[in-house]
PDB file of N, CA and C in Angstrom:
ATOM      1  N   MET A   1      21.435   4.066  72.453  1.00  0.00           N
ATOM      2  CA  MET A   1      20.902   3.664  71.290  1.00  0.00           C
ATOM      3  C   MET A   1      21.726   4.205  70.136  1.00  0.00           C
ATOM      4  N   PHE A   2      21.531   3.623  68.925  1.00  0.00           N
ATOM      5  CA  PHE A   2      22.278   4.271  67.683  1.00  0.00           C
ATOM      6  C   PHE A   2      21.719   5.296  67.100  1.00  0.00           C
ATOM      7  N   ASP A   3      22.293   6.165  66.574  1.00  0.00           N
ATOM      8  CA  ASP A   3      22.044   7.347  65.981  1.00  0.00           C
ATOM      9  C   ASP A   3      21.914   6.949  64.368  1.00  0.00           C
ATOM     10  N   ILE A   4      20.731   6.822  63.660  1.00  0.00           N
ATOM     11  CA  ILE A   4      20.611   6.258  62.300  1.00  0.00           C
ATOM     12  C   ILE A   4      20.527   7.599  61.570  1.00  0.00           C
ATOM     13  N   PRO A   5      21.542   7.848  60.458  1.00  0.00           N
ATOM     14  CA  PRO A   5      21.478   8.901  59.715  1.00  0.00           C
ATOM     15  C   PRO A   5      20.237   9.029  58.674  1.00  0.00           C
ATOM     16  N   THR A   6      19.875  10.327  58.463  1.00  0.00           N
ATOM     17  CA  THR A   6      18.632  10.357  57.304  1.00  0.00           C
ATOM     18  C   THR A   6      19.475  10.449  56.008  1.00  0.00           C
ATOM     19  N   VAL A   7      18.930   9.600  54.951  1.00  0.00           N
ATOM     20  CA  VAL A   7      19.595   9.520  53.637  1.00  0.00           C
ATOM     21  C   VAL A   7      18.295  10.179  52.653  1.00  0.00           C
ATOM     22  N   THR A   8      18.747  11.083  51.988  1.00  0.00           N
ATOM     23  CA  THR A   8      18.035  11.739  51.011  1.00  0.00           C
ATOM     24  C   THR A   8      18.171  11.355  49.611  1.00  0.00           C
ATOM     25  N   LEU A   9      17.134  10.561  49.139  1.00  0.00           N
ATOM     26  CA  LEU A   9      17.315  10.059  47.615  1.00  0.00           C
ATOM     27  C   LEU A   9      16.903  11.202  46.654  1.00  0.00           C
ATOM     28  N   PRO A  10      17.723  11.253  45.689  1.00  0.00           N
ATOM     29  CA  PRO A  10      17.226  12.292  44.532  1.00  0.00           C
ATOM     30  C   PRO A  10      15.821  11.952  43.867  1.00  0.00           C
ATOM     31  N   ASP A  11      15.237  12.895  43.497  1.00  0.00           N
ATOM     32  CA  ASP A  11      13.863  12.639  42.955  1.00  0.00           C
ATOM     33  C   ASP A  11      13.963  12.311  41.536  1.00  0.00           C
ATOM     34  N   ILE A  12      13.968  10.979  41.236  1.00  0.00           N
ATOM     35  CA  ILE A  12      14.082  10.500  39.873  1.00  0.00           C
ATOM     36  C   ILE A  12      12.759   9.917  39.470  1.00  0.00           C
ATOM     37  N   PRO A  13      12.119  10.479  38.306  1.00  0.00           N
ATOM     38  CA  PRO A  13      10.897   9.891  37.932  1.00  0.00           C
ATOM     39  C   PRO A  13      11.161   8.526  37.375  1.00  0.00           C
ATOM     40  N   PRO A  14      10.115   7.802  37.450  1.00  0.00           N
ATOM     41  CA  PRO A  14       9.980   6.385  37.177  1.00  0.00           C
ATOM     42  C   PRO A  14      10.318   6.323  35.668  1.00  0.00           C
ATOM     43  N   ALA A  15      10.982   5.358  34.973  1.00  0.00           N
ATOM     44  CA  ALA A  15      11.013   5.217  33.389  1.00  0.00           C
ATOM     45  C   ALA A  15       9.432   4.715  33.014  1.00  0.00           C
ATOM     46  N   PRO A  16       9.215   5.081  31.712  1.00  0.00           N
ATOM     47  CA  PRO A  16       7.951   4.625  31.292  1.00  0.00           C
ATOM     48  C   PRO A  16       8.059   3.238  30.997  1.00  0.00           C
ATOM     49  N   ILE A  17       6.944   2.513  31.225  1.00  0.00           N
ATOM     50  CA  ILE A  17       6.961   1.036  30.953  1.00  0.00           C
ATOM     51  C   ILE A  17       6.321   0.853  29.546  1.00  0.00           C
ATOM     52  N   ALA A  18       6.981   0.222  28.686  1.00  0.00           N
ATOM     53  CA  ALA A  18       6.648  -0.033  27.529  1.00  0.00           C
ATOM     54  C   ALA A  18       5.854  -1.409  27.480  1.00  0.00           C
ATOM     55  N   TYR A  19       4.409  -1.150  27.208  1.00  0.00           N
ATOM     56  CA  TYR A  19       3.769  -2.384  27.189  1.00  0.00           C
ATOM     57  C   TYR A  19       3.220  -2.725  25.719  1.00  0.00           C
ATOM     58  N   SER A  20       3.366  -1.944  24.954  1.00  0.00           N
ATOM     59  CA  SER A  20       2.907  -2.204  23.435  1.00  0.00           C
ATOM     60  C   SER A  20       3.773  -3.202  22.652  1.00  0.00           C
ATOM     61  N   TYR A  21       3.523  -4.201  22.451  1.00  0.00           N
ATOM     62  CA  TYR A  21       4.065  -5.264  21.608  1.00  0.00           C
ATOM     63  C   TYR A  21       3.206  -5.259  20.096  1.00  0.00           C
ATOM     64  N   SER A  22       1.965  -5.119  20.410  1.00  0.00           N
ATOM     65  CA  SER A  22       1.188  -5.257  19.048  1.00  0.00           C
ATOM     66  C   SER A  22       1.704  -4.173  17.907  1.00  0.00           C
ATOM     67  N   ASP A  23       2.040  -2.968  18.281  1.00  0.00           N
ATOM     68  CA  ASP A  23       2.411  -2.193  17.275  1.00  0.00           C
ATOM     69  C   ASP A  23       3.661  -2.542  16.520  1.00  0.00           C
ATOM     70  N   THR A  24       4.565  -3.205  17.222  1.00  0.00           N
ATOM     71  CA  THR A  24       5.824  -3.684  16.577  1.00  0.00           C
ATOM     72  C   THR A  24       5.508  -4.932  15.787  1.00  0.00           C
ATOM     73  N   GLN A  25       4.730  -5.953  16.227  1.00  0.00           N
ATOM     74  CA  GLN A  25       4.194  -6.949  15.355  1.00  0.00           C
ATOM     75  C   GLN A  25       3.510  -6.456  14.126  1.00  0.00           C
ATOM     76  N   PHE A  26       2.732  -5.603  14.488  1.00  0.00           N
ATOM     77  CA  PHE A  26       1.958  -4.983  13.234  1.00  0.00           C
ATOM     78  C   PHE A  26       2.873  -4.477  12.174  1.00  0.00           C
ATOM     79  N   ASP A  27       3.889  -3.761  12.442  1.00  0.00           N
ATOM     80  CA  ASP A  27       4.830  -3.177  11.502  1.00  0.00           C
ATOM     81  C   ASP A  27       5.588  -4.333  10.649  1.00  0.00           C
ATOM     82  N   ILE A  28       5.785  -5.429  11.417  1.00  0.00           N
ATOM     83  CA  ILE A  28       6.752  -6.505  10.864  1.00  0.00           C
ATOM     84  C   ILE A  28       5.634  -7.141  10.044  1.00  0.00           C
ATOM     85  N   LEU A  29       4.570  -7.593  10.551  1.00  0.00           N
ATOM     86  CA  LEU A  29       3.692  -8.276   9.654  1.00  0.00           C
ATOM     87  C   LEU A  29       3.364  -7.485   8.318  1.00  0.00           C
ATOM     88  N   LYS A  30       3.144  -6.243   8.351  1.00  0.00           N
ATOM     89  CA  LYS A  30       2.919  -5.398   7.178  1.00  0.00           C
ATOM     90  C   LYS A  30       4.077  -5.512   6.373  1.00  0.00           C
ATOM     91  N   LYS A  31       5.186  -5.466   6.780  1.00  0.00           N
ATOM     92  CA  LYS A  31       6.245  -5.519   5.753  1.00  0.00           C
ATOM     93  C   LYS A  31       6.498  -6.766   5.133  1.00  0.00           C
ATOM     94  N   TYR A  32       6.280  -8.165   5.722  1.00  0.00           N
ATOM     95  CA  TYR A  32       6.304  -9.331   5.001  1.00  0.00           C
ATOM     96  C   TYR A  32       5.050  -9.307   4.135  1.00  0.00           C
ATOM     97  N   ILE A  33       3.954  -9.104   4.637  1.00  0.00           N
ATOM     98  CA  ILE A  33       2.814  -9.331   3.593  1.00  0.00           C
ATOM     99  C   ILE A  33       2.563  -8.376   2.473  1.00  0.00           C
ATOM    100  N   VAL A  34       3.355  -7.064   2.709  1.00  0.00           N
ATOM    101  CA  VAL A  34       3.201  -6.085   1.554  1.00  0.00           C
ATOM    102  C   VAL A  34       4.260  -6.786   0.574  1.00  0.00           C
ATOM    103  N   ASN A  35       5.345  -7.134   0.845  1.00  0.00           N
ATOM    104  CA  ASN A  35       6.385  -7.904   0.098  1.00  0.00           C
ATOM    105  C   ASN A  35       6.025  -9.091  -0.489  1.00  0.00           C
ATOM    106  N   PHE A  36       5.230  -9.809  -0.043  1.00  0.00           N
ATOM    107  CA  PHE A  36       4.705 -10.917  -0.498  1.00  0.00           C
ATOM    108  C   PHE A  36       3.622 -10.856  -1.521  1.00  0.00           C
ATOM    109  N   GLU A  37       2.682  -9.826  -1.230  1.00  0.00           N
ATOM    110  CA  GLU A  37       1.587  -9.304  -1.998  1.00  0.00           C
ATOM    111  C   GLU A  37       2.154  -8.692  -3.325  1.00  0.00           C
ATOM    112  N   ASN A  38       3.340  -8.001  -3.226  1.00  0.00           N
ATOM    113  CA  ASN A  38       4.024  -7.471  -4.427  1.00  0.00           C
ATOM    114  C   ASN A  38       4.498  -8.529  -5.248  1.00  0.00           C
ATOM    115  N   SER A  39       4.816  -9.759  -4.823  1.00  0.00           N
ATOM    116  CA  SER A  39       5.515 -10.694  -5.688  1.00  0.00           C
ATOM    117  C   SER A  39       4.277 -11.606  -6.513  1.00  0.00           C
ATOM    118  N   LEU A  40       3.072 -11.124  -6.249  1.00  0.00           N
ATOM    119  CA  LEU A  40       2.082 -12.095  -6.732  1.00  0.00           C
ATOM    120  C   LEU A  40       1.449 -11.382  -8.220  1.00  0.00           C
ATOM    121  N   ASP A  41       1.053 -12.259  -9.035  1.00  0.00           N
ATOM    122  CA  ASP A  41       0.607 -11.790 -10.318  1.00  0.00           C
ATOM    123  C   ASP A  41      -0.909 -11.212 -10.155  1.00  0.00           C
ATOM    124  N   SER A  42      -1.415 -10.644 -11.223  1.00  0.00           N
ATOM    125  CA  SER A  42      -2.876 -10.013 -11.006  1.00  0.00           C
ATOM    126  C   SER A  42      -3.910 -11.052 -10.819  1.00  0.00           C
ATOM    127  N   GLU A  43      -3.590 -12.364 -10.982  1.00  0.00           N
ATOM    128  CA  GLU A  43      -4.740 -13.409 -10.822  1.00  0.00           C
ATOM    129  C   GLU A  43      -4.604 -14.147  -9.341  1.00  0.00           C
ATOM    130  N   HIS A  44      -3.663 -13.495  -8.444  1.00  0.00           N
ATOM    131  CA  HIS A  44      -3.628 -14.272  -7.166  1.00  0.00           C
ATOM    132  C   HIS A  44      -3.526 -13.119  -6.184  1.00  0.00           C
ATOM    133  N   GLU A  45      -4.000 -13.498  -4.896  1.00  0.00           N
ATOM    134  CA  GLU A  45      -3.828 -12.512  -3.822  1.00  0.00           C
ATOM    135  C   GLU A  45      -3.475 -13.406  -2.491  1.00  0.00           C
ATOM    136  N   VAL A  46      -3.171 -12.709  -1.443  1.00  0.00           N
ATOM    137  CA  VAL A  46      -2.532 -13.192  -0.325  1.00  0.00           C
ATOM    138  C   VAL A  46      -3.771 -14.021   0.524  1.00  0.00           C
ATOM    139  N   GLY A  47      -3.383 -15.210   0.856  1.00  0.00           N
ATOM    140  CA  GLY A  47      -4.180 -15.896   1.680  1.00  0.00           C
ATOM    141  C   GLY A  47      -3.344 -16.201   2.882  1.00  0.00           C
ATOM    142  N   ILE A  48      -3.863 -16.400   4.207  1.00  0.00           N
ATOM    143  CA  ILE A  48      -3.200 -16.816   5.384  1.00  0.00           C
ATOM    144  C   ILE A  48      -3.488 -17.937   5.807  1.00  0.00           C
ATOM    145  N   MET A  49      -2.758 -19.054   6.012  1.00  0.00           N
ATOM    146  CA  MET A  49      -3.239 -20.223   6.453  1.00  0.00           C
ATOM    147  C   MET A  49      -2.949 -20.187   8.121  1.00  0.00           C
ATOM    148  N   LEU A  50      -3.949 -20.258   8.709  1.00  0.00           N
ATOM    149  CA  LEU A  50      -3.983 -20.324  10.142  1.00  0.00           C
ATOM    150  C   LEU A  50      -3.653 -21.587  10.658  1.00  0.00           C
ATOM    151  N   THR A  51      -2.745 -21.831  11.594  1.00  0.00           N
ATOM    152  CA  THR A  51      -1.969 -23.249  11.834  1.00  0.00           C
ATOM    153  C   THR A  51      -2.297 -23.465  13.374  1.00  0.00           C
ATOM    154  N   ASN A  52      -3.176 -22.867  13.997  1.00  0.00           N
ATOM    155  CA  ASN A  52      -3.273 -23.226  15.387  1.00  0.00           C
ATOM    156  C   ASN A  52      -4.766 -23.573  15.929  1.00  0.00           C
ATOM    157  N   PHE A  53      -5.573 -24.065  15.070  1.00  0.00           N
ATOM    158  CA  PHE A  53      -6.894 -24.351  15.187  1.00  0.00           C
ATOM    159  C   PHE A  53      -6.923 -26.043  15.211  1.00  0.00           C
ATOM    160  N   GLY A  54      -5.989 -26.797  15.276  1.00  0.00           N
ATOM    161  CA  GLY A  54      -6.081 -28.098  15.099  1.00  0.00           C
ATOM    162  C   GLY A  54      -6.249 -28.659  13.860  1.00  0.00           C
ATOM    163  N   GLN A  55      -6.333 -27.748  12.801  1.00  0.00           N
ATOM    164  CA  GLN A  55      -6.488 -27.991  11.326  1.00  0.00           C
ATOM    165  C   GLN A  55      -5.947 -26.823  10.473  1.00  0.00           C
ATOM    166  N   SER A  56      -5.884 -26.925   9.183  1.00  0.00           N
ATOM    167  CA  SER A  56      -5.603 -25.781   8.543  1.00  0.00           C
ATOM    168  C   SER A  56      -6.887 -25.014   8.082  1.00  0.00           C
ATOM    169  N   VAL A  57      -6.718 -23.824   8.441  1.00  0.00           N
ATOM    170  CA  VAL A  57      -7.868 -22.715   7.916  1.00  0.00           C
ATOM    171  C   VAL A  57      -7.206 -21.741   7.278  1.00  0.00           C
ATOM    172  N   THR A  58      -7.693 -21.587   6.044  1.00  0.00           N
ATOM    173  CA  THR A  58      -7.216 -20.487   5.240  1.00  0.00           C
ATOM    174  C   THR A  58      -8.052 -19.316   5.351  1.00  0.00           C
ATOM    175  N   MET A  59      -7.583 -18.109   5.464  1.00  0.00           N
ATOM    176  CA  MET A  59      -8.296 -16.830   5.681  1.00  0.00           C
ATOM    177  C   MET A  59      -7.917 -15.932   4.714  1.00  0.00           C
ATOM    178  N   GLN A  60      -8.814 -15.567   3.753  1.00  0.00           N
ATOM    179  CA  GLN A  60      -8.626 -14.366   2.777  1.00  0.00           C
ATOM    180  C   GLN A  60      -8.721 -13.089   3.509  1.00  0.00           C
ATOM    181  N   VAL A  61      -7.543 -12.538   3.915  1.00  0.00           N
ATOM    182  CA  VAL A  61      -7.375 -11.359   4.911  1.00  0.00           C
ATOM    183  C   VAL A  61      -7.638 -10.096   4.180  1.00  0.00           C
ATOM    184  N   THR A  62      -8.587  -9.240   4.576  1.00  0.00           N
ATOM    185  CA  THR A  62      -8.868  -8.045   3.887  1.00  0.00           C
ATOM    186  C   THR A  62      -8.415  -6.645   4.759  1.00  0.00           C
ATOM    187  N   GLN A  63      -8.141  -7.066   6.214  1.00  0.00           N
ATOM    188  CA  GLN A  63      -7.839  -5.953   7.011  1.00  0.00           C
ATOM    189  C   GLN A  63      -7.005  -6.408   8.112  1.00  0.00           C
ATOM    190  N   ILE A  64      -5.930  -5.868   8.495  1.00  0.00           N
ATOM    191  CA  ILE A  64      -5.062  -6.064   9.678  1.00  0.00           C
ATOM    192  C   ILE A  64      -5.023  -5.044  10.663  1.00  0.00           C
ATOM    193  N   SER A  65      -5.382  -5.180  11.979  1.00  0.00           N
ATOM    194  CA  SER A  65      -5.243  -4.079  12.943  1.00  0.00           C
ATOM    195  C   SER A  65      -4.769  -4.671  14.173  1.00  0.00           C
ATOM    196  N   TYR A  66      -4.738  -3.717  15.216  1.00  0.00           N
ATOM    197  CA  TYR A  66      -4.207  -4.225  16.558  1.00  0.00           C
ATOM    198  C   TYR A  66      -4.856  -3.568  17.577  1.00  0.00           C
ATOM    199  N   GLU A  67      -4.848  -3.964  18.823  1.00  0.00           N
ATOM    200  CA  GLU A  67      -5.276  -3.353  19.961  1.00  0.00           C
ATOM    201  C   GLU A  67      -4.290  -3.357  20.894  1.00  0.00           C
ATOM    202  N   GLU A  68      -3.828  -2.200  21.263  1.00  0.00           N
ATOM    203  CA  GLU A  68      -2.602  -2.134  22.218  1.00  0.00           C
ATOM    204  C   GLU A  68      -3.022  -2.766  23.546  1.00  0.00           C
ATOM    205  N   SER A  69      -2.250  -3.584  24.075  1.00  0.00           N
ATOM    206  CA  SER A  69      -0.735  -3.717  23.772  1.00  0.00           C
ATOM    207  C   SER A  69      -0.485  -5.082  23.219  1.00  0.00           C
ATOM    208  N   VAL A  70      -1.295  -5.975  23.284  1.00  0.00           N
ATOM    209  CA  VAL A  70      -0.714  -7.264  22.767  1.00  0.00           C
ATOM    210  C   VAL A  70      -1.941  -8.129  21.782  1.00  0.00           C
ATOM    211  N   LEU A  71      -2.863  -7.485  21.529  1.00  0.00           N
ATOM    212  CA  LEU A  71      -3.794  -8.194  20.418  1.00  0.00           C
ATOM    213  C   LEU A  71      -3.559  -7.620  18.949  1.00  0.00           C
ATOM    214  N   MET A  72      -3.678  -8.624  18.103  1.00  0.00           N
ATOM    215  CA  MET A  72      -3.695  -8.300  16.744  1.00  0.00           C
ATOM    216  C   MET A  72      -5.088  -8.838  16.218  1.00  0.00           C
ATOM    217  N   VAL A  73      -5.804  -8.104  15.195  1.00  0.00           N
ATOM    218  CA  VAL A  73      -6.915  -8.362  14.686  1.00  0.00           C
ATOM    219  C   VAL A  73      -6.932  -8.440  13.317  1.00  0.00           C
ATOM    220  N   PHE A  74      -7.585  -9.594  12.906  1.00  0.00           N
ATOM    221  CA  PHE A  74      -7.379 -10.031  11.349  1.00  0.00           C
ATOM    222  C   PHE A  74      -9.051 -10.030  10.937  1.00  0.00           C
ATOM    223  N   LYS A  75      -9.345  -9.380   9.748  1.00  0.00           N
ATOM    224  CA  LYS A  75     -10.684  -9.509   9.253  1.00  0.00           C
ATOM    225  C   LYS A  75     -10.582  -9.985   7.872  1.00  0.00           C
ATOM    226  N   GLY A  76     -11.484 -10.895   7.384  1.00  0.00           N
ATOM    227  CA  GLY A  76     -11.583 -11.217   6.069  1.00  0.00           C
ATOM    228  C   GLY A  76     -12.378 -12.504   6.099  1.00  0.00           C
ATOM    229  N   TYR A  77     -12.212 -13.309   4.994  1.00  0.00           N
ATOM    230  CA  TYR A  77     -13.231 -14.507   4.685  1.00  0.00           C
ATOM    231  C   TYR A  77     -12.558 -15.827   4.959  1.00  0.00           C
ATOM    232  N   VAL A  78     -13.307 -16.755   5.771  1.00  0.00           N
ATOM    233  CA  VAL A  78     -13.041 -18.063   5.728  1.00  0.00           C
ATOM    234  C   VAL A  78     -14.178 -18.951   5.196  1.00  0.00           C
ATOM    235  N   ASN A  79     -14.002 -19.650   4.304  1.00  0.00           N
ATOM    236  CA  ASN A  79     -14.954 -20.405   3.557  1.00  0.00           C
ATOM    237  C   ASN A  79     -16.077 -19.507   3.206  1.00  0.00           C
ATOM    238  N   GLY A  80     -15.775 -18.341   2.674  1.00  0.00           N
ATOM    239  CA  GLY A  80     -16.644 -17.384   1.974  1.00  0.00           C
ATOM    240  C   GLY A  80     -17.503 -16.688   3.063  1.00  0.00           C
ATOM    241  N   LYS A  81     -17.354 -16.949   4.264  1.00  0.00           N
ATOM    242  CA  LYS A  81     -17.975 -16.043   5.445  1.00  0.00           C
ATOM    243  C   LYS A  81     -17.104 -15.123   6.166  1.00  0.00           C
ATOM    244  N   PHE A  82     -17.678 -13.868   6.124  1.00  0.00           N
ATOM    245  CA  PHE A  82     -16.748 -12.802   6.928  1.00  0.00           C
ATOM    246  C   PHE A  82     -16.509 -13.283   8.276  1.00  0.00           C
ATOM    247  N   SER A  83     -15.199 -13.041   8.645  1.00  0.00           N
ATOM    248  CA  SER A  83     -14.798 -13.670   9.904  1.00  0.00           C
ATOM    249  C   SER A  83     -13.873 -12.557  10.633  1.00  0.00           C
ATOM    250  N   THR A  84     -13.573 -12.507  11.689  1.00  0.00           N
ATOM    251  CA  THR A  84     -12.758 -11.842  12.641  1.00  0.00           C
ATOM    252  C   THR A  84     -11.873 -12.653  13.544  1.00  0.00           C
ATOM    253  N   LEU A  85     -10.489 -12.498  13.549  1.00  0.00           N
ATOM    254  CA  LEU A  85      -9.759 -13.325  14.133  1.00  0.00           C
ATOM    255  C   LEU A  85      -8.855 -12.293  15.147  1.00  0.00           C
ATOM    256  N   ILE A  86      -9.100 -12.674  16.500  1.00  0.00           N
ATOM    257  CA  ILE A  86      -8.465 -11.659  17.579  1.00  0.00           C
ATOM    258  C   ILE A  86      -7.473 -12.666  18.111  1.00  0.00           C
ATOM    259  N   GLN A  87      -6.107 -12.160  18.053  1.00  0.00           N
ATOM    260  CA  GLN A  87      -5.207 -13.258  18.566  1.00  0.00           C
ATOM    261  C   GLN A  87      -4.168 -12.351  19.236  1.00  0.00           C
ATOM    262  N   HIS A  88      -3.618 -13.109  20.422  1.00  0.00           N
ATOM    263  CA  HIS A  88      -2.515 -12.458  21.053  1.00  0.00           C
ATOM    264  C   HIS A  88      -1.221 -12.624  20.511  1.00  0.00           C
ATOM    265  N   VAL A  89      -0.465 -11.698  20.540  1.00  0.00           N
ATOM    266  CA  VAL A  89       0.900 -11.292  19.701  1.00  0.00           C
ATOM    267  C   VAL A  89       1.691 -12.822  20.044  1.00  0.00           C
ATOM    268  N   SER A  90       1.699 -13.387  21.001  1.00  0.00           N
ATOM    269  CA  SER A  90       2.356 -14.542  21.375  1.00  0.00           C
ATOM    270  C   SER A  90       1.981 -15.842  20.581  1.00  0.00           C
ATOM    271  N   GLN A  91       0.791 -15.638  19.948  1.00  0.00           N
ATOM    272  CA  GLN A  91       0.283 -16.866  19.264  1.00  0.00           C
ATOM    273  C   GLN A  91       0.256 -16.739  17.946  1.00  0.00           C
ATOM    274  N   LEU A  92       0.987 -15.681  17.223  1.00  0.00           N
ATOM    275  CA  LEU A  92       0.985 -15.703  15.899  1.00  0.00           C
ATOM    276  C   LEU A  92       1.692 -16.567  15.328  1.00  0.00           C
ATOM    277  N   ASN A  93       1.193 -17.277  14.376  1.00  0.00           N
ATOM    278  CA  ASN A  93       1.836 -18.443  13.627  1.00  0.00           C
ATOM    279  C   ASN A  93       0.883 -18.776  12.471  1.00  0.00           C
ATOM    280  N   PHE A  94       1.382 -18.352  11.288  1.00  0.00           N
ATOM    281  CA  PHE A  94       0.600 -18.665  10.195  1.00  0.00           C
ATOM    282  C   PHE A  94       1.637 -18.704   8.983  1.00  0.00           C
ATOM    283  N   LEU A  95       1.037 -19.095   7.783  1.00  0.00           N
ATOM    284  CA  LEU A  95       1.567 -19.173   6.504  1.00  0.00           C
ATOM    285  C   LEU A  95       1.095 -18.394   5.649  1.00  0.00           C
ATOM    286  N   LEU A  96       1.828 -17.386   5.019  1.00  0.00           N
ATOM    287  CA  LEU A  96       1.355 -16.631   4.001  1.00  0.00           C
ATOM    288  C   LEU A  96       1.447 -17.457   2.612  1.00  0.00           C
ATOM    289  N   THR A  97       0.251 -17.457   1.828  1.00  0.00           N
ATOM    290  CA  THR A  97       0.184 -18.486   0.818  1.00  0.00           C
ATOM    291  C   THR A  97      -0.580 -17.524  -0.510  1.00  0.00           C
ATOM    292  N   SER A  98      -0.503 -17.951  -1.769  1.00  0.00           N
ATOM    293  CA  SER A  98      -1.111 -17.391  -2.706  1.00  0.00           C
ATOM    294  C   SER A  98      -2.458 -18.224  -3.056  1.00  0.00           C
ATOM    295  N   ILE A  99      -3.587 -17.456  -3.142  1.00  0.00           N
ATOM    296  CA  ILE A  99      -4.891 -18.087  -3.515  1.00  0.00           C
ATOM    297  C   ILE A  99      -5.316 -17.229  -4.658  1.00  0.00           C
ATOM    298  N   GLU A 100      -6.003 -18.066  -5.677  1.00  0.00           N
ATOM    299  CA  GLU A 100      -6.496 -17.553  -6.822  1.00  0.00           C
ATOM    300  C   GLU A 100      -7.618 -16.666  -6.544  1.00  0.00           C
ATOM    301  N   LYS A 101      -7.587 -15.418  -6.980  1.00  0.00           N
ATOM    302  CA  LYS A 101      -8.868 -14.611  -6.987  1.00  0.00           C
ATOM    303  C   LYS A 101     -10.006 -15.023  -7.805  1.00  0.00           C
ATOM    304  N   GLU A 102     -11.237 -14.658  -7.394  1.00  0.00           N
ATOM    305  CA  GLU A 102     -12.403 -15.099  -8.038  1.00  0.00           C
ATOM    306  C   GLU A 102     -12.354 -14.123  -9.535  1.00  0.00           C
ATOM    307  N   PRO A 103     -12.633 -14.783 -10.522  1.00  0.00           N
ATOM    308  CA  PRO A 103     -12.652 -13.908 -11.785  1.00  0.00           C
ATOM    309  C   PRO A 103     -13.319 -12.722 -12.094  1.00  0.00           C
ATOM    310  N   ASP A 104     -14.590 -12.780 -11.296  1.00  0.00           N
ATOM    311  CA  ASP A 104     -15.468 -11.635 -11.469  1.00  0.00           C
ATOM    312  C   ASP A 104     -15.291 -10.469 -10.598  1.00  0.00           C
ATOM    313  N   ARG A 105     -14.251 -10.314  -9.831  1.00  0.00           N
ATOM    314  CA  ARG A 105     -14.083  -9.049  -8.929  1.00  0.00           C
ATOM    315  C   ARG A 105     -12.459  -8.773  -9.015  1.00  0.00           C
ATOM    316  N   PRO A 106     -12.149  -7.505  -8.636  1.00  0.00           N
ATOM    317  CA  PRO A 106     -10.882  -7.109  -8.750  1.00  0.00           C
ATOM    318  C   PRO A 106     -10.016  -7.710  -7.540  1.00  0.00           C
ATOM    319  N   LYS A 107      -8.770  -7.982  -7.805  1.00  0.00           N
ATOM    320  CA  LYS A 107      -7.766  -8.428  -6.672  1.00  0.00           C
ATOM    321  C   LYS A 107      -7.985  -7.530  -5.445  1.00  0.00           C
ATOM    322  N   ARG A 108      -8.265  -8.267  -4.267  1.00  0.00           N
ATOM    323  CA  ARG A 108      -8.313  -7.754  -3.006  1.00  0.00           C
ATOM    324  C   ARG A 108      -6.637  -7.556  -2.566  1.00  0.00           C
ATOM    325  N   THR A 109      -6.465  -6.275  -1.874  1.00  0.00           N
ATOM    326  CA  THR A 109      -5.199  -6.217  -1.051  1.00  0.00           C
ATOM    327  C   THR A 109      -5.702  -5.956   0.225  1.00  0.00           C
ATOM    328  N   ILE A 110      -4.765  -6.209   1.112  1.00  0.00           N
ATOM    329  CA  ILE A 110      -4.971  -6.153   2.643  1.00  0.00           C
ATOM    330  C   ILE A 110      -4.834  -4.690   2.908  1.00  0.00           C
ATOM    331  N   GLY A 111      -5.738  -4.103   3.905  1.00  0.00           N
ATOM    332  CA  GLY A 111      -5.775  -2.965   4.332  1.00  0.00           C
ATOM    333  C   GLY A 111      -5.088  -3.133   5.875  1.00  0.00           C
ATOM    334  N   PHE A 112      -4.016  -2.188   6.161  1.00  0.00           N
ATOM    335  CA  PHE A 112      -3.431  -2.078   7.578  1.00  0.00           C
ATOM    336  C   PHE A 112      -3.889  -0.847   8.267  1.00  0.00           C
ATOM    337  N   VAL A 113      -4.603  -0.967   9.272  1.00  0.00           N
ATOM    338  CA  VAL A 113      -5.238  -0.119  10.307  1.00  0.00           C
ATOM    339  C   VAL A 113      -4.694   0.024  11.342  1.00  0.00           C
ATOM    340  N   ALA A 114      -4.069   1.180  11.681  1.00  0.00           N
ATOM    341  CA  ALA A 114      -3.359   1.481  13.001  1.00  0.00           C
ATOM    342  C   ALA A 114      -4.471   2.067  13.843  1.00  0.00           C
ATOM    343  N   PRO A 115      -4.518   1.841  15.152  1.00  0.00           N
ATOM    344  CA  PRO A 115      -5.538   2.495  16.200  1.00  0.00           C
ATOM    345  C   PRO A 115      -5.281   3.966  16.263  1.00  0.00           C
ATOM    346  N   LYS A 116      -6.323   4.742  16.348  1.00  0.00           N
ATOM    347  CA  LYS A 116      -6.266   6.133  16.576  1.00  0.00           C
ATOM    348  C   LYS A 116      -5.768   6.583  17.904  1.00  0.00           C
TER     349      LYS A 116
END
C-alpha cells in the first residue's frame, strides 16, 4: 500500500463574520435625514413617504432605531395614529418630504436610537 504523509495545518482562528447591516443603514439614514431636517424652516418637519404598501403612506417619523442585524424600526404617526414600522434593510425605499407642522405644537425632530 501507499504511505500517506500526515499534514499538520496551522491553527488559524476563523475570521469573525460580519452580519450587522442595520447599523450601517442606520448611520446612512441618519446622515440624510439630519441634513434634510436642517434644510427645513421652522414651520415644516420631516415626513417619510413609504412607497412599498401598494399606495403612498406618509409617516411622521419621531424615532428610528434598528435591531441587529437586518431590521430597521421606524416609530411615528400615520394618519394621526401612533405606528411602528419594522422593515428589513433590503426593503428600505422611501421618499423624504417636508410636511407642515401643526401650529399649536413645537416642531418635531427625529430621534435616532442605537441598541444598547
